[in-house]
C-alpha cells in the first residue's frame, strides 16, 4: 500500500467503524426497550414510521457494515498486529483470531429449540372448533 494512502483510509475506516457501532447501540436499545417484542406491547408500535422488524433490518445491516469495517481495519493494521500485538509470535496472532472465529461460529452453531410456551397452545382458544393446532406443531 502506498505510504500516503494508509492514513486517509484509516481515518475513514475509524469513522465508519465508530458510526456503525453507535448505530448498533442505538438500534439495539430501541429494539430492546422501546419497541418491545411480542404481545407485551410490540404490535403496532413504530418509531419514525418504522416497525420493530424494519428497525431490526437496519440493525442487521449496521452489524454487517461494522463487521466489514472491522475486518478492513485489521487488514490495515496487519503489520502492527504481527509485530506488536503478538510480540512477533505468530501463534499468539493465530490464537486470537481463532478465538474470535470460535465465538462467532460457536454462537451461530447453537441448536434451535422451542421455548415451551409456543404460540400453538396460546392460539388454540382463538380458533374455531375442529381447527385446533396439534401440540408440538
N, C-alpha and C. Protein backbone atom coordinates (compact mmCIF):
# COMPACT_ATOMS: atom_id res chain seq x y z
N UNK A 1 0.84 -1.17 0.00
CA UNK A 1 0.00 0.00 0.00
C UNK A 1 0.89 1.23 0.00
N UNK A 2 0.46 2.22 -0.75
CA UNK A 2 1.24 3.45 -0.83
C UNK A 2 1.28 4.12 0.54
N UNK A 3 2.44 4.66 0.93
CA UNK A 3 2.57 5.25 2.27
C UNK A 3 1.58 6.39 2.54
N UNK A 4 1.28 7.21 1.56
CA UNK A 4 0.38 8.34 1.78
C UNK A 4 -1.09 7.96 1.78
N UNK A 5 -1.42 6.71 1.41
CA UNK A 5 -2.82 6.29 1.31
C UNK A 5 -3.36 5.70 2.60
N UNK A 6 -2.48 5.14 3.43
CA UNK A 6 -2.95 4.45 4.63
C UNK A 6 -3.63 5.39 5.62
N UNK A 7 -3.07 6.56 5.87
CA UNK A 7 -3.63 7.47 6.86
C UNK A 7 -5.06 7.91 6.52
N UNK A 8 -5.36 8.37 5.29
CA UNK A 8 -6.75 8.71 4.98
C UNK A 8 -7.70 7.52 5.06
N UNK A 9 -7.23 6.34 4.63
CA UNK A 9 -8.04 5.14 4.72
C UNK A 9 -8.35 4.79 6.18
N UNK A 10 -7.35 4.96 7.04
CA UNK A 10 -7.56 4.68 8.47
C UNK A 10 -8.59 5.64 9.06
N UNK A 11 -8.51 6.93 8.67
CA UNK A 11 -9.47 7.91 9.18
C UNK A 11 -10.89 7.56 8.78
N UNK A 12 -11.08 7.23 7.51
CA UNK A 12 -12.42 6.87 7.02
C UNK A 12 -12.89 5.58 7.68
N UNK A 13 -11.98 4.61 7.79
CA UNK A 13 -12.33 3.33 8.41
C UNK A 13 -12.72 3.52 9.87
N UNK A 14 -11.93 4.29 10.61
CA UNK A 14 -12.24 4.53 12.02
C UNK A 14 -13.56 5.26 12.19
N UNK A 15 -13.83 6.25 11.33
CA UNK A 15 -15.09 6.99 11.42
C UNK A 15 -16.27 6.07 11.12
N UNK A 16 -16.16 5.27 10.06
CA UNK A 16 -17.23 4.35 9.70
C UNK A 16 -17.45 3.31 10.79
N UNK A 17 -16.37 2.82 11.37
CA UNK A 17 -16.47 1.85 12.46
C UNK A 17 -17.18 2.47 13.66
N UNK A 18 -16.81 3.68 14.02
CA UNK A 18 -17.43 4.37 15.14
C UNK A 18 -18.91 4.63 14.89
N UNK A 19 -19.26 5.15 13.71
CA UNK A 19 -20.65 5.47 13.41
C UNK A 19 -21.52 4.21 13.35
N UNK A 20 -21.01 3.14 12.75
CA UNK A 20 -21.81 1.90 12.68
C UNK A 20 -21.97 1.29 14.07
N UNK A 21 -20.95 1.38 14.91
CA UNK A 21 -21.05 0.88 16.28
C UNK A 21 -22.08 1.68 17.08
N UNK A 22 -22.06 3.00 16.94
CA UNK A 22 -23.06 3.85 17.62
C UNK A 22 -24.46 3.53 17.11
N UNK A 23 -24.59 3.31 15.81
CA UNK A 23 -25.88 2.93 15.24
C UNK A 23 -26.37 1.60 15.78
N UNK A 24 -25.46 0.65 15.96
CA UNK A 24 -25.82 -0.65 16.54
C UNK A 24 -26.33 -0.49 17.97
N UNK A 25 -25.65 0.33 18.75
CA UNK A 25 -26.07 0.55 20.13
C UNK A 25 -27.45 1.22 20.15
N UNK A 26 -27.63 2.25 19.31
CA UNK A 26 -28.91 2.97 19.28
C UNK A 26 -30.06 2.09 18.83
N UNK A 27 -29.89 1.35 17.74
CA UNK A 27 -30.98 0.50 17.26
C UNK A 27 -31.21 -0.68 18.20
N UNK A 28 -30.15 -1.19 18.80
CA UNK A 28 -30.31 -2.27 19.78
C UNK A 28 -31.10 -1.83 20.99
N UNK A 29 -30.80 -0.64 21.50
CA UNK A 29 -31.55 -0.10 22.64
C UNK A 29 -33.00 0.15 22.25
N UNK A 30 -33.22 0.67 21.06
CA UNK A 30 -34.57 0.92 20.57
C UNK A 30 -35.37 -0.39 20.50
N UNK A 31 -34.76 -1.42 19.95
CA UNK A 31 -35.43 -2.71 19.82
C UNK A 31 -35.68 -3.36 21.18
N UNK A 32 -34.75 -3.20 22.10
CA UNK A 32 -34.86 -3.87 23.39
C UNK A 32 -35.80 -3.17 24.36
N UNK A 33 -35.78 -1.84 24.39
CA UNK A 33 -36.50 -1.12 25.44
C UNK A 33 -37.70 -0.31 24.97
N UNK A 34 -37.78 0.04 23.70
CA UNK A 34 -38.92 0.84 23.24
C UNK A 34 -39.89 0.05 22.38
N UNK A 35 -39.37 -0.68 21.40
CA UNK A 35 -40.22 -1.49 20.53
C UNK A 35 -40.22 -2.92 21.07
N UNK A 36 -40.91 -3.10 22.17
CA UNK A 36 -40.89 -4.35 22.92
C UNK A 36 -41.45 -5.48 22.06
N UNK A 37 -40.81 -6.65 22.07
CA UNK A 37 -41.26 -7.75 21.21
C UNK A 37 -42.57 -8.39 21.70
N UNK A 38 -43.27 -9.00 20.77
CA UNK A 38 -44.41 -9.85 21.09
C UNK A 38 -45.63 -9.13 21.63
N UNK A 39 -46.42 -9.88 22.35
CA UNK A 39 -47.70 -9.37 22.84
C UNK A 39 -47.53 -8.41 24.02
N UNK A 40 -46.33 -8.21 24.49
CA UNK A 40 -46.11 -7.31 25.61
C UNK A 40 -46.13 -5.84 25.20
N UNK A 41 -46.45 -5.56 23.97
CA UNK A 41 -46.57 -4.17 23.57
C UNK A 41 -45.93 -3.84 22.23
N UNK A 42 -45.32 -4.80 21.57
CA UNK A 42 -44.62 -4.51 20.33
C UNK A 42 -45.49 -4.39 19.10
N UNK A 43 -46.73 -4.87 19.17
CA UNK A 43 -47.60 -4.82 18.00
C UNK A 43 -48.12 -3.41 17.78
N UNK A 44 -47.94 -2.90 16.57
CA UNK A 44 -48.48 -1.61 16.22
C UNK A 44 -47.62 -0.42 16.61
N UNK A 45 -46.53 -0.63 17.32
CA UNK A 45 -45.66 0.47 17.69
C UNK A 45 -44.70 0.79 16.54
N UNK A 46 -44.45 2.07 16.33
CA UNK A 46 -43.49 2.48 15.31
C UNK A 46 -42.66 3.63 15.84
N UNK A 47 -41.49 3.78 15.28
CA UNK A 47 -40.62 4.94 15.51
C UNK A 47 -40.21 5.42 14.12
N UNK A 48 -40.47 6.69 13.84
CA UNK A 48 -40.23 7.26 12.51
C UNK A 48 -40.95 6.45 11.43
N UNK A 49 -42.15 6.00 11.75
CA UNK A 49 -43.00 5.20 10.86
C UNK A 49 -42.37 3.87 10.46
N UNK A 50 -41.47 3.34 11.30
CA UNK A 50 -40.87 2.04 11.03
C UNK A 50 -41.17 1.09 12.18
N UNK A 51 -41.51 -0.15 11.83
CA UNK A 51 -41.86 -1.15 12.83
C UNK A 51 -40.60 -1.78 13.42
N UNK A 52 -40.81 -2.64 14.40
CA UNK A 52 -39.70 -3.36 15.04
C UNK A 52 -38.90 -4.16 14.01
N UNK A 53 -39.59 -4.79 13.07
CA UNK A 53 -38.89 -5.60 12.07
C UNK A 53 -38.07 -4.73 11.11
N UNK A 54 -38.57 -3.58 10.77
CA UNK A 54 -37.80 -2.68 9.90
C UNK A 54 -36.57 -2.16 10.63
N UNK A 55 -36.72 -1.82 11.91
CA UNK A 55 -35.56 -1.40 12.70
C UNK A 55 -34.58 -2.57 12.87
N UNK A 56 -35.11 -3.78 12.96
CA UNK A 56 -34.25 -4.97 13.04
C UNK A 56 -33.42 -5.15 11.79
N UNK A 57 -34.01 -4.85 10.63
CA UNK A 57 -33.25 -4.91 9.37
C UNK A 57 -32.12 -3.89 9.37
N UNK A 58 -32.42 -2.67 9.82
CA UNK A 58 -31.38 -1.64 9.91
C UNK A 58 -30.28 -2.08 10.86
N UNK A 59 -30.67 -2.65 12.00
CA UNK A 59 -29.70 -3.14 12.99
C UNK A 59 -28.80 -4.21 12.38
N UNK A 60 -29.40 -5.12 11.61
CA UNK A 60 -28.63 -6.18 10.95
C UNK A 60 -27.61 -5.59 9.98
N UNK A 61 -28.04 -4.67 9.12
CA UNK A 61 -27.13 -4.11 8.12
C UNK A 61 -26.05 -3.23 8.75
N UNK A 62 -26.38 -2.57 9.85
CA UNK A 62 -25.33 -1.84 10.58
C UNK A 62 -24.29 -2.83 11.12
N UNK A 63 -24.76 -3.99 11.56
CA UNK A 63 -23.84 -5.04 12.02
C UNK A 63 -22.93 -5.53 10.91
N UNK A 64 -23.50 -5.69 9.71
CA UNK A 64 -22.70 -6.13 8.55
C UNK A 64 -21.63 -5.07 8.24
N UNK A 65 -22.03 -3.80 8.24
CA UNK A 65 -21.07 -2.71 7.99
C UNK A 65 -20.00 -2.71 9.07
N UNK A 66 -20.39 -2.89 10.32
CA UNK A 66 -19.44 -2.88 11.43
C UNK A 66 -18.44 -4.03 11.31
N UNK A 67 -18.91 -5.22 10.97
CA UNK A 67 -18.02 -6.37 10.82
C UNK A 67 -17.08 -6.17 9.64
N UNK A 68 -17.62 -5.72 8.51
CA UNK A 68 -16.78 -5.48 7.33
C UNK A 68 -15.73 -4.42 7.59
N UNK A 69 -16.12 -3.35 8.27
CA UNK A 69 -15.17 -2.28 8.59
C UNK A 69 -14.12 -2.77 9.57
N UNK A 70 -14.52 -3.60 10.52
CA UNK A 70 -13.56 -4.15 11.47
C UNK A 70 -12.53 -5.02 10.76
N UNK A 71 -12.99 -5.85 9.83
CA UNK A 71 -12.05 -6.69 9.08
C UNK A 71 -11.08 -5.84 8.25
N UNK A 72 -11.61 -4.80 7.61
CA UNK A 72 -10.74 -3.90 6.84
C UNK A 72 -9.76 -3.19 7.77
N UNK A 73 -10.21 -2.80 8.96
CA UNK A 73 -9.35 -2.16 9.96
C UNK A 73 -8.20 -3.11 10.35
N UNK A 74 -8.53 -4.39 10.54
CA UNK A 74 -7.49 -5.37 10.88
C UNK A 74 -6.49 -5.52 9.74
N UNK A 75 -6.96 -5.52 8.50
CA UNK A 75 -6.07 -5.62 7.34
C UNK A 75 -5.12 -4.42 7.30
N UNK A 76 -5.67 -3.22 7.51
CA UNK A 76 -4.83 -2.02 7.51
C UNK A 76 -3.80 -2.04 8.62
N UNK A 77 -4.13 -2.68 9.74
CA UNK A 77 -3.23 -2.73 10.89
C UNK A 77 -2.47 -4.04 11.01
N UNK A 78 -2.45 -4.83 9.94
CA UNK A 78 -1.80 -6.14 9.99
C UNK A 78 -0.33 -6.07 10.42
N UNK A 79 0.47 -5.15 9.90
CA UNK A 79 1.86 -5.10 10.36
C UNK A 79 1.98 -4.86 11.87
N UNK A 80 1.14 -3.98 12.41
CA UNK A 80 1.15 -3.72 13.85
C UNK A 80 0.73 -4.97 14.62
N UNK A 81 -0.28 -5.67 14.12
CA UNK A 81 -0.74 -6.89 14.78
C UNK A 81 0.37 -7.94 14.83
N UNK A 82 1.08 -8.11 13.69
CA UNK A 82 2.15 -9.11 13.64
C UNK A 82 3.31 -8.74 14.56
N UNK A 83 3.67 -7.46 14.58
CA UNK A 83 4.88 -7.05 15.29
C UNK A 83 4.64 -6.77 16.78
N UNK A 84 3.61 -6.00 17.10
CA UNK A 84 3.43 -5.52 18.47
C UNK A 84 2.42 -6.37 19.25
N UNK A 85 1.21 -6.53 18.71
CA UNK A 85 0.15 -7.22 19.46
C UNK A 85 0.51 -8.67 19.75
N UNK A 86 1.19 -9.32 18.81
CA UNK A 86 1.54 -10.72 19.04
C UNK A 86 2.99 -10.88 19.51
N UNK A 87 3.66 -9.77 19.75
CA UNK A 87 5.07 -9.77 20.18
C UNK A 87 5.94 -10.59 19.25
N UNK A 88 5.60 -10.58 17.97
CA UNK A 88 6.41 -11.31 16.99
C UNK A 88 6.18 -12.81 17.01
N UNK A 89 5.26 -13.28 17.84
CA UNK A 89 4.98 -14.73 17.92
C UNK A 89 3.69 -15.00 17.15
N UNK A 90 3.81 -15.71 16.04
CA UNK A 90 2.68 -15.96 15.15
C UNK A 90 1.56 -16.72 15.85
N UNK A 91 1.91 -17.61 16.78
CA UNK A 91 0.87 -18.42 17.43
C UNK A 91 -0.09 -17.54 18.24
N UNK A 92 0.40 -16.41 18.79
CA UNK A 92 -0.49 -15.51 19.55
C UNK A 92 -1.52 -14.87 18.63
N UNK A 93 -1.08 -14.46 17.46
CA UNK A 93 -1.98 -13.85 16.49
C UNK A 93 -3.00 -14.87 16.01
N UNK A 94 -2.54 -16.06 15.69
CA UNK A 94 -3.44 -17.13 15.23
C UNK A 94 -4.43 -17.49 16.35
N UNK A 95 -3.95 -17.59 17.58
CA UNK A 95 -4.83 -17.93 18.71
C UNK A 95 -5.90 -16.86 18.92
N UNK A 96 -5.54 -15.60 18.81
CA UNK A 96 -6.52 -14.52 18.97
C UNK A 96 -7.57 -14.54 17.88
N UNK A 97 -7.14 -14.70 16.64
CA UNK A 97 -8.09 -14.75 15.52
C UNK A 97 -8.97 -16.00 15.60
N UNK A 98 -8.38 -17.13 15.98
CA UNK A 98 -9.16 -18.37 16.10
C UNK A 98 -10.18 -18.28 17.23
N UNK A 99 -9.81 -17.63 18.33
CA UNK A 99 -10.76 -17.45 19.43
C UNK A 99 -11.95 -16.61 18.98
N UNK A 100 -11.70 -15.55 18.26
CA UNK A 100 -12.79 -14.72 17.74
C UNK A 100 -13.69 -15.51 16.80
N UNK A 101 -13.10 -16.28 15.91
CA UNK A 101 -13.88 -17.09 14.97
C UNK A 101 -14.69 -18.15 15.70
N UNK A 102 -14.09 -18.75 16.73
CA UNK A 102 -14.81 -19.75 17.53
C UNK A 102 -16.01 -19.16 18.23
N UNK A 103 -15.88 -17.96 18.76
CA UNK A 103 -17.00 -17.30 19.43
C UNK A 103 -18.12 -17.04 18.42
N UNK A 104 -17.76 -16.48 17.27
CA UNK A 104 -18.76 -16.16 16.25
C UNK A 104 -19.49 -17.42 15.78
N UNK A 105 -18.74 -18.41 15.31
CA UNK A 105 -19.37 -19.59 14.74
C UNK A 105 -19.92 -20.52 15.82
N UNK A 106 -19.36 -20.47 17.02
CA UNK A 106 -19.91 -21.26 18.12
C UNK A 106 -21.30 -20.80 18.50
N UNK A 107 -21.51 -19.51 18.56
CA UNK A 107 -22.84 -18.98 18.88
C UNK A 107 -23.81 -19.33 17.76
N UNK A 108 -23.37 -19.17 16.51
CA UNK A 108 -24.24 -19.47 15.38
C UNK A 108 -24.61 -20.95 15.33
N UNK A 109 -23.73 -21.82 15.78
CA UNK A 109 -23.95 -23.26 15.71
C UNK A 109 -24.83 -23.79 16.84
N UNK A 110 -25.19 -22.95 17.80
CA UNK A 110 -26.05 -23.42 18.89
C UNK A 110 -27.37 -23.94 18.33
N UNK A 111 -27.89 -25.04 18.92
CA UNK A 111 -29.12 -25.64 18.37
C UNK A 111 -30.35 -24.78 18.65
N UNK A 112 -31.31 -24.83 17.73
CA UNK A 112 -32.59 -24.16 17.90
C UNK A 112 -33.48 -25.01 18.80
N UNK A 113 -34.30 -24.35 19.61
CA UNK A 113 -35.23 -25.05 20.48
C UNK A 113 -36.55 -24.30 20.51
N UNK A 114 -37.60 -25.01 20.79
CA UNK A 114 -38.89 -24.36 21.03
C UNK A 114 -38.90 -23.90 22.48
N UNK A 115 -39.50 -22.75 22.73
CA UNK A 115 -39.43 -22.14 24.05
C UNK A 115 -40.28 -22.84 25.09
N UNK A 116 -41.21 -23.68 24.70
CA UNK A 116 -42.06 -24.35 25.68
C UNK A 116 -43.39 -23.63 25.85
N UNK A 117 -43.41 -22.33 25.65
CA UNK A 117 -44.67 -21.60 25.69
C UNK A 117 -45.05 -21.20 24.28
N UNK A 118 -45.01 -22.19 23.38
CA UNK A 118 -45.20 -21.97 21.96
C UNK A 118 -46.52 -21.31 21.62
N UNK A 119 -46.55 -20.70 20.47
CA UNK A 119 -47.73 -19.95 20.06
C UNK A 119 -48.90 -20.87 19.71
N UNK A 120 -48.64 -22.15 19.40
CA UNK A 120 -49.74 -23.04 19.03
C UNK A 120 -50.70 -23.24 20.20
N UNK A 121 -50.17 -23.35 21.41
CA UNK A 121 -51.02 -23.52 22.58
C UNK A 121 -51.74 -22.22 22.91
N UNK A 122 -51.08 -21.10 22.75
CA UNK A 122 -51.68 -19.82 23.08
C UNK A 122 -52.81 -19.46 22.13
N UNK A 123 -52.75 -19.93 20.88
CA UNK A 123 -53.77 -19.58 19.90
C UNK A 123 -54.88 -20.61 19.80
N UNK A 124 -54.81 -21.71 20.55
CA UNK A 124 -55.82 -22.74 20.45
C UNK A 124 -57.20 -22.20 20.79
N UNK A 125 -57.31 -21.36 21.79
CA UNK A 125 -58.60 -20.86 22.22
C UNK A 125 -59.23 -19.95 21.17
N UNK A 126 -58.43 -19.31 20.33
CA UNK A 126 -58.94 -18.37 19.36
C UNK A 126 -59.49 -19.04 18.11
N UNK A 127 -59.13 -20.30 17.87
CA UNK A 127 -59.54 -20.98 16.64
C UNK A 127 -60.92 -21.60 16.82
N UNK A 128 -61.68 -21.68 15.72
CA UNK A 128 -62.99 -22.32 15.79
C UNK A 128 -62.85 -23.80 16.11
N UNK A 129 -63.94 -24.39 16.63
CA UNK A 129 -63.94 -25.81 17.00
C UNK A 129 -63.57 -26.66 15.78
N UNK A 130 -62.76 -27.65 15.98
CA UNK A 130 -62.33 -28.54 14.91
C UNK A 130 -61.10 -28.04 14.17
N UNK A 131 -60.65 -26.85 14.44
CA UNK A 131 -59.48 -26.28 13.77
C UNK A 131 -58.32 -26.10 14.75
N UNK A 132 -58.30 -26.91 15.78
CA UNK A 132 -57.26 -26.80 16.81
C UNK A 132 -55.92 -27.24 16.25
N UNK A 133 -54.86 -26.57 16.70
CA UNK A 133 -53.50 -26.99 16.35
C UNK A 133 -53.13 -28.20 17.18
N UNK A 134 -52.36 -29.06 16.59
CA UNK A 134 -51.82 -30.19 17.36
C UNK A 134 -50.68 -29.67 18.20
N UNK A 135 -50.57 -30.19 19.42
CA UNK A 135 -49.46 -29.79 20.28
C UNK A 135 -48.15 -30.23 19.65
N UNK A 136 -47.14 -29.37 19.76
CA UNK A 136 -45.84 -29.69 19.21
C UNK A 136 -45.65 -29.21 17.79
N UNK A 137 -46.68 -28.65 17.19
CA UNK A 137 -46.56 -28.16 15.82
C UNK A 137 -46.46 -26.68 15.82
